């Protein structure tokens, strides 16, 4: 029985640029589509964001980053409903982070 390794066996014969292009194509195949929130879930997220902002609490935000879902722990600085953004300070790196409200999928108060 012959075991075929697919594209792996050919990468040793390819230029590095071609290998990188193949990796990009494979990453596109792994893309996760962004789900749609129900109205009650959106209201719950809104309530948690208001509470965390008013009480100066740290939250864990699950958001869609374009390819997959990411998590970040952050202190909220502002929730801008006009520009639909969430701004805060990342808990680990202490850097400023901005997330689109439309990409937020879940919020947990820490």
PDB file of N, CA and C in Angstrom:
ATOM      1  N   UNK A   1       0.848  -1.176   0.000  1.00  0.00           N
ATOM      2  CA  UNK A   1       0.000   0.000   0.000  1.00  0.00           C
ATOM      3  C   UNK A   1       0.893   1.238   0.000  1.00  0.00           C
ATOM      4  N   UNK A   2       0.644   2.137  -0.888  1.00  0.00           N
ATOM      5  CA  UNK A   2       1.417   3.363  -1.045  1.00  0.00           C
ATOM      6  C   UNK A   2       0.771   4.477  -0.229  1.00  0.00           C
ATOM      7  N   UNK A   3       1.604   5.130   0.645  1.00  0.00           N
ATOM      8  CA  UNK A   3       1.089   6.247   1.445  1.00  0.00           C
ATOM      9  C   UNK A   3       1.432   7.559   0.750  1.00  0.00           C
ATOM     10  N   UNK A   4       0.437   8.289   0.370  1.00  0.00           N
ATOM     11  CA  UNK A   4       0.642   9.563  -0.297  1.00  0.00           C
ATOM     12  C   UNK A   4       0.620  10.678   0.742  1.00  0.00           C
ATOM     13  N   UNK A   5       1.638  11.534   0.736  1.00  0.00           N
ATOM     14  CA  UNK A   5       1.724  12.628   1.700  1.00  0.00           C
ATOM     15  C   UNK A   5       1.215  13.944   1.129  1.00  0.00           C
ATOM     16  N   UNK A   6       0.570  13.907   0.005  1.00  0.00           N
ATOM     17  CA  UNK A   6      -0.010  15.125  -0.568  1.00  0.00           C
ATOM     18  C   UNK A   6       1.039  16.150  -0.941  1.00  0.00           C
ATOM     19  N   UNK A   7       0.780  17.408  -0.594  1.00  0.00           N
ATOM     20  CA  UNK A   7       1.693  18.502  -0.947  1.00  0.00           C
ATOM     21  C   UNK A   7       2.985  18.482  -0.143  1.00  0.00           C
ATOM     22  N   UNK A   8       2.995  17.776   0.987  1.00  0.00           N
ATOM     23  CA  UNK A   8       4.186  17.755   1.831  1.00  0.00           C
ATOM     24  C   UNK A   8       5.388  17.214   1.072  1.00  0.00           C
ATOM     25  N   UNK A   9       5.214  16.193   0.266  1.00  0.00           N
ATOM     26  CA  UNK A   9       6.338  15.596  -0.447  1.00  0.00           C
ATOM     27  C   UNK A   9       6.911  16.521  -1.509  1.00  0.00           C
ATOM     28  N   UNK A  10       6.134  17.496  -1.978  1.00  0.00           N
ATOM     29  CA  UNK A  10       6.599  18.391  -3.027  1.00  0.00           C
ATOM     30  C   UNK A  10       7.243  19.660  -2.485  1.00  0.00           C
ATOM     31  N   UNK A  11       7.026  19.987  -1.207  1.00  0.00           N
ATOM     32  CA  UNK A  11       7.546  21.250  -0.679  1.00  0.00           C
ATOM     33  C   UNK A  11       9.068  21.310  -0.697  1.00  0.00           C
ATOM     34  N   UNK A  12       9.755  20.186  -0.622  1.00  0.00           N
ATOM     35  CA  UNK A  12      11.214  20.217  -0.670  1.00  0.00           C
ATOM     36  C   UNK A  12      11.721  20.634  -2.051  1.00  0.00           C
ATOM     37  N   UNK A  13      10.890  20.506  -3.080  1.00  0.00           N
ATOM     38  CA  UNK A  13      11.281  20.877  -4.437  1.00  0.00           C
ATOM     39  C   UNK A  13      10.815  22.284  -4.823  1.00  0.00           C
ATOM     40  N   UNK A  14      10.091  22.947  -3.921  1.00  0.00           N
ATOM     41  CA  UNK A  14       9.527  24.262  -4.228  1.00  0.00           C
ATOM     42  C   UNK A  14      10.413  25.376  -3.701  1.00  0.00           C
ATOM     43  N   UNK A  15      10.260  26.540  -4.302  1.00  0.00           N
ATOM     44  CA  UNK A  15      10.927  27.737  -3.804  1.00  0.00           C
ATOM     45  C   UNK A  15      10.264  28.168  -2.499  1.00  0.00           C
ATOM     46  N   UNK A  16      11.001  28.818  -1.604  1.00  0.00           N
ATOM     47  CA  UNK A  16      10.397  29.268  -0.333  1.00  0.00           C
ATOM     48  C   UNK A  16       9.161  30.145  -0.524  1.00  0.00           C
ATOM     49  N   UNK A  17       9.163  30.954  -1.589  1.00  0.00           N
ATOM     50  CA  UNK A  17       7.999  31.812  -1.844  1.00  0.00           C
ATOM     51  C   UNK A  17       6.755  30.981  -2.139  1.00  0.00           C
ATOM     52  N   UNK A  18       6.946  29.880  -2.834  1.00  0.00           N
ATOM     53  CA  UNK A  18       5.812  29.011  -3.154  1.00  0.00           C
ATOM     54  C   UNK A  18       5.296  28.301  -1.907  1.00  0.00           C
ATOM     55  N   UNK A  19       6.218  27.905  -1.039  1.00  0.00           N
ATOM     56  CA  UNK A  19       5.820  27.259   0.212  1.00  0.00           C
ATOM     57  C   UNK A  19       4.996  28.226   1.060  1.00  0.00           C
ATOM     58  N   UNK A  20       5.441  29.492   1.154  1.00  0.00           N
ATOM     59  CA  UNK A  20       4.702  30.497   1.913  1.00  0.00           C
ATOM     60  C   UNK A  20       3.315  30.721   1.327  1.00  0.00           C
ATOM     61  N   UNK A  21       3.230  30.743  -0.001  1.00  0.00           N
ATOM     62  CA  UNK A  21       1.931  30.925  -0.656  1.00  0.00           C
ATOM     63  C   UNK A  21       1.009  29.748  -0.353  1.00  0.00           C
ATOM     64  N   UNK A  22       1.549  28.539  -0.354  1.00  0.00           N
ATOM     65  CA  UNK A  22       0.747  27.359  -0.004  1.00  0.00           C
ATOM     66  C   UNK A  22       0.232  27.446   1.426  1.00  0.00           C
ATOM     67  N   UNK A  23       1.094  27.910   2.339  1.00  0.00           N
ATOM     68  CA  UNK A  23       0.675  28.047   3.743  1.00  0.00           C
ATOM     69  C   UNK A  23      -0.464  29.043   3.870  1.00  0.00           C
ATOM     70  N   UNK A  24      -0.416  30.133   3.104  1.00  0.00           N
ATOM     71  CA  UNK A  24      -1.501  31.121   3.132  1.00  0.00           C
ATOM     72  C   UNK A  24      -2.805  30.518   2.627  1.00  0.00           C
ATOM     73  N   UNK A  25      -2.712  29.725   1.566  1.00  0.00           N
ATOM     74  CA  UNK A  25      -3.903  29.077   1.010  1.00  0.00           C
ATOM     75  C   UNK A  25      -4.494  28.113   2.033  1.00  0.00           C
ATOM     76  N   UNK A  26      -3.639  27.335   2.702  1.00  0.00           N
ATOM     77  CA  UNK A  26      -4.131  26.393   3.712  1.00  0.00           C
ATOM     78  C   UNK A  26      -4.763  27.130   4.879  1.00  0.00           C
ATOM     79  N   UNK A  27      -4.195  28.286   5.269  1.00  0.00           N
ATOM     80  CA  UNK A  27      -4.758  29.067   6.370  1.00  0.00           C
ATOM     81  C   UNK A  27      -6.143  29.594   5.990  1.00  0.00           C
ATOM     82  N   UNK A  28      -6.312  30.002   4.736  1.00  0.00           N
ATOM     83  CA  UNK A  28      -7.622  30.458   4.278  1.00  0.00           C
ATOM     84  C   UNK A  28      -8.662  29.347   4.392  1.00  0.00           C
ATOM     85  N   UNK A  29      -8.251  28.110   4.160  1.00  0.00           N
ATOM     86  CA  UNK A  29      -9.173  26.984   4.271  1.00  0.00           C
ATOM     87  C   UNK A  29      -9.632  26.763   5.704  1.00  0.00           C
ATOM     88  N   UNK A  30      -8.802  27.174   6.674  1.00  0.00           N
ATOM     89  CA  UNK A  30      -9.117  26.972   8.089  1.00  0.00           C
ATOM     90  C   UNK A  30      -9.925  28.119   8.676  1.00  0.00           C
ATOM     91  N   UNK A  31     -10.271  29.110   7.871  1.00  0.00           N
ATOM     92  CA  UNK A  31     -10.987  30.291   8.350  1.00  0.00           C
ATOM     93  C   UNK A  31     -12.325  29.900   8.979  1.00  0.00           C
ATOM     94  N   UNK A  32     -12.621  30.505  10.124  1.00  0.00           N
ATOM     95  CA  UNK A  32     -13.877  30.282  10.835  1.00  0.00           C
ATOM     96  C   UNK A  32     -14.782  31.480  10.577  1.00  0.00           C
ATOM     97  N   UNK A  33     -15.987  31.221  10.128  1.00  0.00           N
ATOM     98  CA  UNK A  33     -16.909  32.328   9.861  1.00  0.00           C
ATOM     99  C   UNK A  33     -17.460  32.877  11.166  1.00  0.00           C
ATOM    100  N   UNK A  34     -17.706  34.176  11.150  1.00  0.00           N
ATOM    101  CA  UNK A  34     -18.230  34.851  12.336  1.00  0.00           C
ATOM    102  C   UNK A  34     -19.708  34.513  12.509  1.00  0.00           C
ATOM    103  N   UNK A  35     -20.067  34.126  13.708  1.00  0.00           N
ATOM    104  CA  UNK A  35     -21.451  33.797  14.002  1.00  0.00           C
ATOM    105  C   UNK A  35     -22.289  35.055  14.209  1.00  0.00           C
ATOM    106  N   UNK A  36     -23.575  34.865  14.316  1.00  0.00           N
ATOM    107  CA  UNK A  36     -24.503  35.960  14.550  1.00  0.00           C
ATOM    108  C   UNK A  36     -25.085  35.801  15.943  1.00  0.00           C
ATOM    109  N   UNK A  37     -25.065  36.887  16.704  1.00  0.00           N
ATOM    110  CA  UNK A  37     -25.594  36.857  18.067  1.00  0.00           C
ATOM    111  C   UNK A  37     -27.112  37.004  18.072  1.00  0.00           C
ATOM    112  N   UNK A  38     -27.737  36.310  18.994  1.00  0.00           N
ATOM    113  CA  UNK A  38     -29.169  36.508  19.221  1.00  0.00           C
ATOM    114  C   UNK A  38     -29.343  37.815  20.003  1.00  0.00           C
ATOM    115  N   UNK A  39     -30.529  38.364  19.968  1.00  0.00           N
ATOM    116  CA  UNK A  39     -30.789  39.648  20.625  1.00  0.00           C
ATOM    117  C   UNK A  39     -30.539  39.581  22.126  1.00  0.00           C
ATOM    118  N   UNK A  40     -30.925  38.487  22.782  1.00  0.00           N
ATOM    119  CA  UNK A  40     -30.707  38.373  24.227  1.00  0.00           C
ATOM    120  C   UNK A  40     -29.213  38.256  24.563  1.00  0.00           C
ATOM    121  N   UNK A  41     -28.430  37.608  23.703  1.00  0.00           N
ATOM    122  CA  UNK A  41     -26.987  37.526  23.919  1.00  0.00           C
ATOM    123  C   UNK A  41     -26.341  38.905  23.782  1.00  0.00           C
ATOM    124  N   UNK A  42     -26.787  39.677  22.803  1.00  0.00           N
ATOM    125  CA  UNK A  42     -26.265  41.025  22.609  1.00  0.00           C
ATOM    126  C   UNK A  42     -26.602  41.914  23.808  1.00  0.00           C
ATOM    127  N   UNK A  43     -27.803  41.763  24.352  1.00  0.00           N
ATOM    128  CA  UNK A  43     -28.194  42.539  25.530  1.00  0.00           C
ATOM    129  C   UNK A  43     -27.368  42.146  26.745  1.00  0.00           C
ATOM    130  N   UNK A  44     -27.074  40.858  26.889  1.00  0.00           N
ATOM    131  CA  UNK A  44     -26.260  40.390  28.011  1.00  0.00           C
ATOM    132  C   UNK A  44     -24.833  40.940  27.910  1.00  0.00           C
ATOM    133  N   UNK A  45     -24.274  40.941  26.713  1.00  0.00           N
ATOM    134  CA  UNK A  45     -22.936  41.501  26.499  1.00  0.00           C
ATOM    135  C   UNK A  45     -22.936  42.986  26.838  1.00  0.00           C
ATOM    136  N   UNK A  46     -23.961  43.702  26.395  1.00  0.00           N
ATOM    137  CA  UNK A  46     -24.075  45.130  26.673  1.00  0.00           C
ATOM    138  C   UNK A  46     -24.143  45.387  28.182  1.00  0.00           C
ATOM    139  N   UNK A  47     -24.925  44.597  28.907  1.00  0.00           N
ATOM    140  CA  UNK A  47     -25.043  44.734  30.352  1.00  0.00           C
ATOM    141  C   UNK A  47     -23.697  44.498  31.034  1.00  0.00           C
ATOM    142  N   UNK A  48     -22.989  43.442  30.623  1.00  0.00           N
ATOM    143  CA  UNK A  48     -21.691  43.136  31.229  1.00  0.00           C
ATOM    144  C   UNK A  48     -20.664  44.232  30.945  1.00  0.00           C
ATOM    145  N   UNK A  49     -20.684  44.777  29.737  1.00  0.00           N
ATOM    146  CA  UNK A  49     -19.753  45.860  29.407  1.00  0.00           C
ATOM    147  C   UNK A  49     -20.042  47.107  30.240  1.00  0.00           C
ATOM    148  N   UNK A  50     -21.315  47.452  30.402  1.00  0.00           N
ATOM    149  CA  UNK A  50     -21.681  48.609  31.228  1.00  0.00           C
ATOM    150  C   UNK A  50     -21.239  48.409  32.669  1.00  0.00           C
ATOM    151  N   UNK A  51     -21.506  47.221  33.215  1.00  0.00           N
ATOM    152  CA  UNK A  51     -21.127  46.928  34.607  1.00  0.00           C
ATOM    153  C   UNK A  51     -19.613  46.982  34.790  1.00  0.00           C
ATOM    154  N   UNK A  52     -18.876  46.363  33.861  1.00  0.00           N
ATOM    155  CA  UNK A  52     -17.416  46.335  33.963  1.00  0.00           C
ATOM    156  C   UNK A  52     -16.835  47.743  33.847  1.00  0.00           C
ATOM    157  N   UNK A  53     -17.409  48.568  32.965  1.00  0.00           N
ATOM    158  CA  UNK A  53     -16.914  49.930  32.799  1.00  0.00           C
ATOM    159  C   UNK A  53     -17.209  50.768  34.038  1.00  0.00           C
ATOM    160  N   UNK A  54     -18.427  50.674  34.562  1.00  0.00           N
ATOM    161  CA  UNK A  54     -18.819  51.470  35.725  1.00  0.00           C
ATOM    162  C   UNK A  54     -18.086  51.047  36.995  1.00  0.00           C
ATOM    163  N   UNK A  55     -17.833  49.757  37.165  1.00  0.00           N
ATOM    164  CA  UNK A  55     -17.192  49.250  38.380  1.00  0.00           C
ATOM    165  C   UNK A  55     -15.691  49.032  38.209  1.00  0.00           C
ATOM    166  N   UNK A  56     -15.127  49.421  37.061  1.00  0.00           N
ATOM    167  CA  UNK A  56     -13.699  49.293  36.765  1.00  0.00           C
ATOM    168  C   UNK A  56     -13.218  47.852  36.937  1.00  0.00           C
ATOM    169  N   UNK A  57     -13.943  46.926  36.292  1.00  0.00           N
ATOM    170  CA  UNK A  57     -13.618  45.500  36.382  1.00  0.00           C
ATOM    171  C   UNK A  57     -12.872  45.035  35.137  1.00  0.00           C
ATOM    172  N   UNK A  58     -12.105  43.963  35.282  1.00  0.00           N
ATOM    173  CA  UNK A  58     -11.429  43.341  34.151  1.00  0.00           C
ATOM    174  C   UNK A  58     -12.387  42.357  33.495  1.00  0.00           C
ATOM    175  N   UNK A  59     -12.380  42.338  32.161  1.00  0.00           N
ATOM    176  CA  UNK A  59     -13.245  41.423  31.424  1.00  0.00           C
ATOM    177  C   UNK A  59     -12.414  40.577  30.463  1.00  0.00           C
ATOM    178  N   UNK A  60     -12.925  39.394  30.168  1.00  0.00           N
ATOM    179  CA  UNK A  60     -12.352  38.572  29.114  1.00  0.00           C
ATOM    180  C   UNK A  60     -13.299  38.685  27.926  1.00  0.00           C
ATOM    181  N   UNK A  61     -12.756  39.131  26.797  1.00  0.00           N
ATOM    182  CA  UNK A  61     -13.564  39.353  25.603  1.00  0.00           C
ATOM    183  C   UNK A  61     -13.206  38.294  24.571  1.00  0.00           C
ATOM    184  N   UNK A  62     -14.228  37.625  24.049  1.00  0.00           N
ATOM    185  CA  UNK A  62     -14.054  36.700  22.934  1.00  0.00           C
ATOM    186  C   UNK A  62     -14.547  37.432  21.700  1.00  0.00           C
ATOM    187  N   UNK A  63     -13.659  37.551  20.693  1.00  0.00           N
ATOM    188  CA  UNK A  63     -14.010  38.299  19.494  1.00  0.00           C
ATOM    189  C   UNK A  63     -13.461  37.610  18.254  1.00  0.00           C
ATOM    190  N   UNK A  64     -14.068  37.926  17.129  1.00  0.00           N
ATOM    191  CA  UNK A  64     -13.650  37.358  15.845  1.00  0.00           C
ATOM    192  C   UNK A  64     -12.569  38.251  15.262  1.00  0.00           C
ATOM    193  N   UNK A  65     -11.412  37.675  14.939  1.00  0.00           N
ATOM    194  CA  UNK A  65     -10.274  38.468  14.466  1.00  0.00           C
ATOM    195  C   UNK A  65     -10.110  38.430  12.946  1.00  0.00           C
ATOM    196  N   UNK A  66     -11.089  37.928  12.230  1.00  0.00           N
ATOM    197  CA  UNK A  66     -11.012  37.845  10.783  1.00  0.00           C
ATOM    198  C   UNK A  66     -10.825  36.417  10.301  1.00  0.00           C
ATOM    199  N   UNK A  67     -10.115  35.602  11.076  1.00  0.00           N
ATOM    200  CA  UNK A  67      -9.877  34.209  10.706  1.00  0.00           C
ATOM    201  C   UNK A  67     -10.486  33.240  11.704  1.00  0.00           C
ATOM    202  N   UNK A  68     -10.435  33.608  12.974  1.00  0.00           N
ATOM    203  CA  UNK A  68     -10.827  32.703  14.051  1.00  0.00           C
ATOM    204  C   UNK A  68     -11.271  33.560  15.234  1.00  0.00           C
ATOM    205  N   UNK A  69     -11.608  32.920  16.337  1.00  0.00           N
ATOM    206  CA  UNK A  69     -11.953  33.647  17.549  1.00  0.00           C
ATOM    207  C   UNK A  69     -10.715  33.792  18.424  1.00  0.00           C
ATOM    208  N   UNK A  70     -10.564  34.981  19.021  1.00  0.00           N
ATOM    209  CA  UNK A  70      -9.466  35.268  19.936  1.00  0.00           C
ATOM    210  C   UNK A  70     -10.040  35.692  21.275  1.00  0.00           C
ATOM    211  N   UNK A  71      -9.230  35.550  22.308  1.00  0.00           N
ATOM    212  CA  UNK A  71      -9.605  35.968  23.651  1.00  0.00           C
ATOM    213  C   UNK A  71      -8.597  36.994  24.143  1.00  0.00           C
ATOM    214  N   UNK A  72      -9.068  37.983  24.882  1.00  0.00           N
ATOM    215  CA  UNK A  72      -8.166  38.924  25.533  1.00  0.00           C
ATOM    216  C   UNK A  72      -8.778  39.364  26.857  1.00  0.00           C
ATOM    217  N   UNK A  73      -7.926  39.480  27.862  1.00  0.00           N
ATOM    218  CA  UNK A  73      -8.335  40.029  29.150  1.00  0.00           C
ATOM    219  C   UNK A  73      -7.977  41.506  29.129  1.00  0.00           C
ATOM    220  N   UNK A  74      -8.936  42.369  29.460  1.00  0.00           N
ATOM    221  CA  UNK A  74      -8.680  43.801  29.343  1.00  0.00           C
ATOM    222  C   UNK A  74      -9.456  44.604  30.368  1.00  0.00           C
ATOM    223  N   UNK A  75      -8.921  45.800  30.683  1.00  0.00           N
ATOM    224  CA  UNK A  75      -9.611  46.824  31.469  1.00  0.00           C
ATOM    225  C   UNK A  75     -10.229  47.789  30.477  1.00  0.00           C
ATOM    226  N   UNK A  76     -11.501  48.040  30.597  1.00  0.00           N
ATOM    227  CA  UNK A  76     -12.196  48.912  29.648  1.00  0.00           C
ATOM    228  C   UNK A  76     -11.854  50.376  29.879  1.00  0.00           C
ATOM    229  N   UNK A  77     -11.563  51.082  28.794  1.00  0.00           N
ATOM    230  CA  UNK A  77     -11.369  52.527  28.843  1.00  0.00           C
ATOM    231  C   UNK A  77     -12.601  53.250  28.312  1.00  0.00           C
ATOM    232  N   UNK A  78     -13.203  52.689  27.250  1.00  0.00           N
ATOM    233  CA  UNK A  78     -14.411  53.309  26.690  1.00  0.00           C
ATOM    234  C   UNK A  78     -15.179  52.303  25.841  1.00  0.00           C
ATOM    235  N   UNK A  79     -16.474  52.548  25.751  1.00  0.00           N
ATOM    236  CA  UNK A  79     -17.355  51.812  24.853  1.00  0.00           C
ATOM    237  C   UNK A  79     -18.019  52.872  23.990  1.00  0.00           C
ATOM    238  N   UNK A  80     -17.563  52.994  22.755  1.00  0.00           N
ATOM    239  CA  UNK A  80     -18.041  54.024  21.837  1.00  0.00           C
ATOM    240  C   UNK A  80     -19.128  53.431  20.936  1.00  0.00           C
ATOM    241  N   UNK A  81     -20.369  53.781  21.227  1.00  0.00           N
ATOM    242  CA  UNK A  81     -21.487  53.232  20.471  1.00  0.00           C
ATOM    243  C   UNK A  81     -21.624  53.892  19.090  1.00  0.00           C
ATOM    244  N   UNK A  82     -21.150  55.124  18.949  1.00  0.00           N
ATOM    245  CA  UNK A  82     -21.218  55.799  17.645  1.00  0.00           C
ATOM    246  C   UNK A  82     -20.279  55.155  16.639  1.00  0.00           C
ATOM    247  N   UNK A  83     -19.039  54.875  17.058  1.00  0.00           N
ATOM    248  CA  UNK A  83     -18.056  54.260  16.172  1.00  0.00           C
ATOM    249  C   UNK A  83     -18.042  52.732  16.304  1.00  0.00           C
ATOM    250  N   UNK A  84     -18.893  52.205  17.193  1.00  0.00           N
ATOM    251  CA  UNK A  84     -19.036  50.757  17.404  1.00  0.00           C
ATOM    252  C   UNK A  84     -17.709  50.107  17.771  1.00  0.00           C
ATOM    253  N   UNK A  85     -16.973  50.723  18.731  1.00  0.00           N
ATOM    254  CA  UNK A  85     -15.694  50.180  19.164  1.00  0.00           C
ATOM    255  C   UNK A  85     -15.638  50.041  20.673  1.00  0.00           C
ATOM    256  N   UNK A  86     -14.771  49.157  21.088  1.00  0.00           N
ATOM    257  CA  UNK A  86     -14.503  48.873  22.491  1.00  0.00           C
ATOM    258  C   UNK A  86     -13.013  49.111  22.685  1.00  0.00           C
ATOM    259  N   UNK A  87     -12.636  50.026  23.581  1.00  0.00           N
ATOM    260  CA  UNK A  87     -11.230  50.348  23.804  1.00  0.00           C
ATOM    261  C   UNK A  87     -10.853  49.991  25.231  1.00  0.00           C
ATOM    262  N   UNK A  88      -9.635  49.483  25.367  1.00  0.00           N
ATOM    263  CA  UNK A  88      -9.165  49.117  26.690  1.00  0.00           C
ATOM    264  C   UNK A  88      -7.677  48.860  26.708  1.00  0.00           C
ATOM    265  N   UNK A  89      -7.196  48.437  27.887  1.00  0.00           N
ATOM    266  CA  UNK A  89      -5.791  48.098  28.090  1.00  0.00           C
ATOM    267  C   UNK A  89      -5.702  46.599  28.280  1.00  0.00           C
ATOM    268  N   UNK A  90      -4.886  45.947  27.433  1.00  0.00           N
ATOM    269  CA  UNK A  90      -4.668  44.510  27.541  1.00  0.00           C
ATOM    270  C   UNK A  90      -4.040  44.207  28.898  1.00  0.00           C
ATOM    271  N   UNK A  91      -4.580  43.222  29.603  1.00  0.00           N
ATOM    272  CA  UNK A  91      -4.155  42.906  30.968  1.00  0.00           C
ATOM    273  C   UNK A  91      -2.712  42.391  31.023  1.00  0.00           C
ATOM    274  N   UNK A  92      -2.282  41.623  30.023  1.00  0.00           N
ATOM    275  CA  UNK A  92      -0.941  41.049  30.049  1.00  0.00           C
ATOM    276  C   UNK A  92       0.109  41.986  29.473  1.00  0.00           C
ATOM    277  N   UNK A  93      -0.125  42.520  28.280  1.00  0.00           N
ATOM    278  CA  UNK A  93       0.895  43.328  27.604  1.00  0.00           C
ATOM    279  C   UNK A  93       0.842  44.798  27.998  1.00  0.00           C
ATOM    280  N   UNK A  94      -0.223  45.226  28.660  1.00  0.00           N
ATOM    281  CA  UNK A  94      -0.426  46.621  29.067  1.00  0.00           C
ATOM    282  C   UNK A  94      -0.482  47.581  27.878  1.00  0.00           C
ATOM    283  N   UNK A  95      -0.822  47.067  26.695  1.00  0.00           N
ATOM    284  CA  UNK A  95      -0.950  47.891  25.498  1.00  0.00           C
ATOM    285  C   UNK A  95      -2.408  48.211  25.244  1.00  0.00           C
ATOM    286  N   UNK A  96      -2.636  49.312  24.550  1.00  0.00           N
ATOM    287  CA  UNK A  96      -3.989  49.712  24.185  1.00  0.00           C
ATOM    288  C   UNK A  96      -4.518  48.768  23.112  1.00  0.00           C
ATOM    289  N   UNK A  97      -5.797  48.433  23.235  1.00  0.00           N
ATOM    290  CA  UNK A  97      -6.418  47.524  22.269  1.00  0.00           C
ATOM    291  C   UNK A  97      -7.790  48.080  21.902  1.00  0.00           C
ATOM    292  N   UNK A  98      -8.131  47.978  20.625  1.00  0.00           N
ATOM    293  CA  UNK A  98      -9.434  48.406  20.130  1.00  0.00           C
ATOM    294  C   UNK A  98     -10.086  47.235  19.406  1.00  0.00           C
ATOM    295  N   UNK A  99     -11.327  46.952  19.769  1.00  0.00           N
ATOM    296  CA  UNK A  99     -12.080  45.853  19.173  1.00  0.00           C
ATOM    297  C   UNK A  99     -13.404  46.404  18.666  1.00  0.00           C
ATOM    298  N   UNK A 100     -13.803  45.996  17.482  1.00  0.00           N
ATOM    299  CA  UNK A 100     -15.110  46.396  16.958  1.00  0.00           C
ATOM    300  C   UNK A 100     -16.198  45.679  17.753  1.00  0.00           C
ATOM    301  N   UNK A 101     -17.215  46.407  18.145  1.00  0.00           N
ATOM    302  CA  UNK A 101     -18.326  45.807  18.888  1.00  0.00           C
ATOM    303  C   UNK A 101     -19.023  44.723  18.076  1.00  0.00           C
ATOM    304  N   UNK A 102     -19.034  44.874  16.760  1.00  0.00           N
ATOM    305  CA  UNK A 102     -19.681  43.881  15.908  1.00  0.00           C
ATOM    306  C   UNK A 102     -18.926  42.554  15.910  1.00  0.00           C
ATOM    307  N   UNK A 103     -17.643  42.572  16.299  1.00  0.00           N
ATOM    308  CA  UNK A 103     -16.835  41.352  16.338  1.00  0.00           C
ATOM    309  C   UNK A 103     -16.884  40.650  17.688  1.00  0.00           C
ATOM    310  N   UNK A 104     -17.421  41.324  18.720  1.00  0.00           N
ATOM    311  CA  UNK A 104     -17.471  40.739  20.062  1.00  0.00           C
ATOM    312  C   UNK A 104     -18.509  39.628  20.078  1.00  0.00           C
ATOM    313  N   UNK A 105     -18.088  38.474  20.560  1.00  0.00           N
ATOM    314  CA  UNK A 105     -18.966  37.310  20.597  1.00  0.00           C
ATOM    315  C   UNK A 105     -19.380  36.937  22.018  1.00  0.00           C
ATOM    316  N   UNK A 106     -18.515  37.259  23.011  1.00  0.00           N
ATOM    317  CA  UNK A 106     -18.827  36.930  24.388  1.00  0.00           C
ATOM    318  C   UNK A 106     -17.984  37.818  25.309  1.00  0.00           C
ATOM    319  N   UNK A 107     -18.516  38.121  26.499  1.00  0.00           N
ATOM    320  CA  UNK A 107     -17.796  38.890  27.516  1.00  0.00           C
ATOM    321  C   UNK A 107     -17.999  38.200  28.855  1.00  0.00           C
ATOM    322  N   UNK A 108     -16.901  37.974  29.564  1.00  0.00           N
ATOM    323  CA  UNK A 108     -16.946  37.399  30.907  1.00  0.00           C
ATOM    324  C   UNK A 108     -16.287  38.369  31.866  1.00  0.00           C
ATOM    325  N   UNK A 109     -16.934  38.681  32.973  1.00  0.00           N
ATOM    326  CA  UNK A 109     -16.341  39.533  33.988  1.00  0.00           C
ATOM    327  C   UNK A 109     -15.433  38.681  34.856  1.00  0.00           C
ATOM    328  N   UNK A 110     -14.218  39.149  35.038  1.00  0.00           N
ATOM    329  CA  UNK A 110     -13.217  38.394  35.797  1.00  0.00           C
ATOM    330  C   UNK A 110     -13.326  38.690  37.285  1.00  0.00           C
TER     331      UNK A 110
END
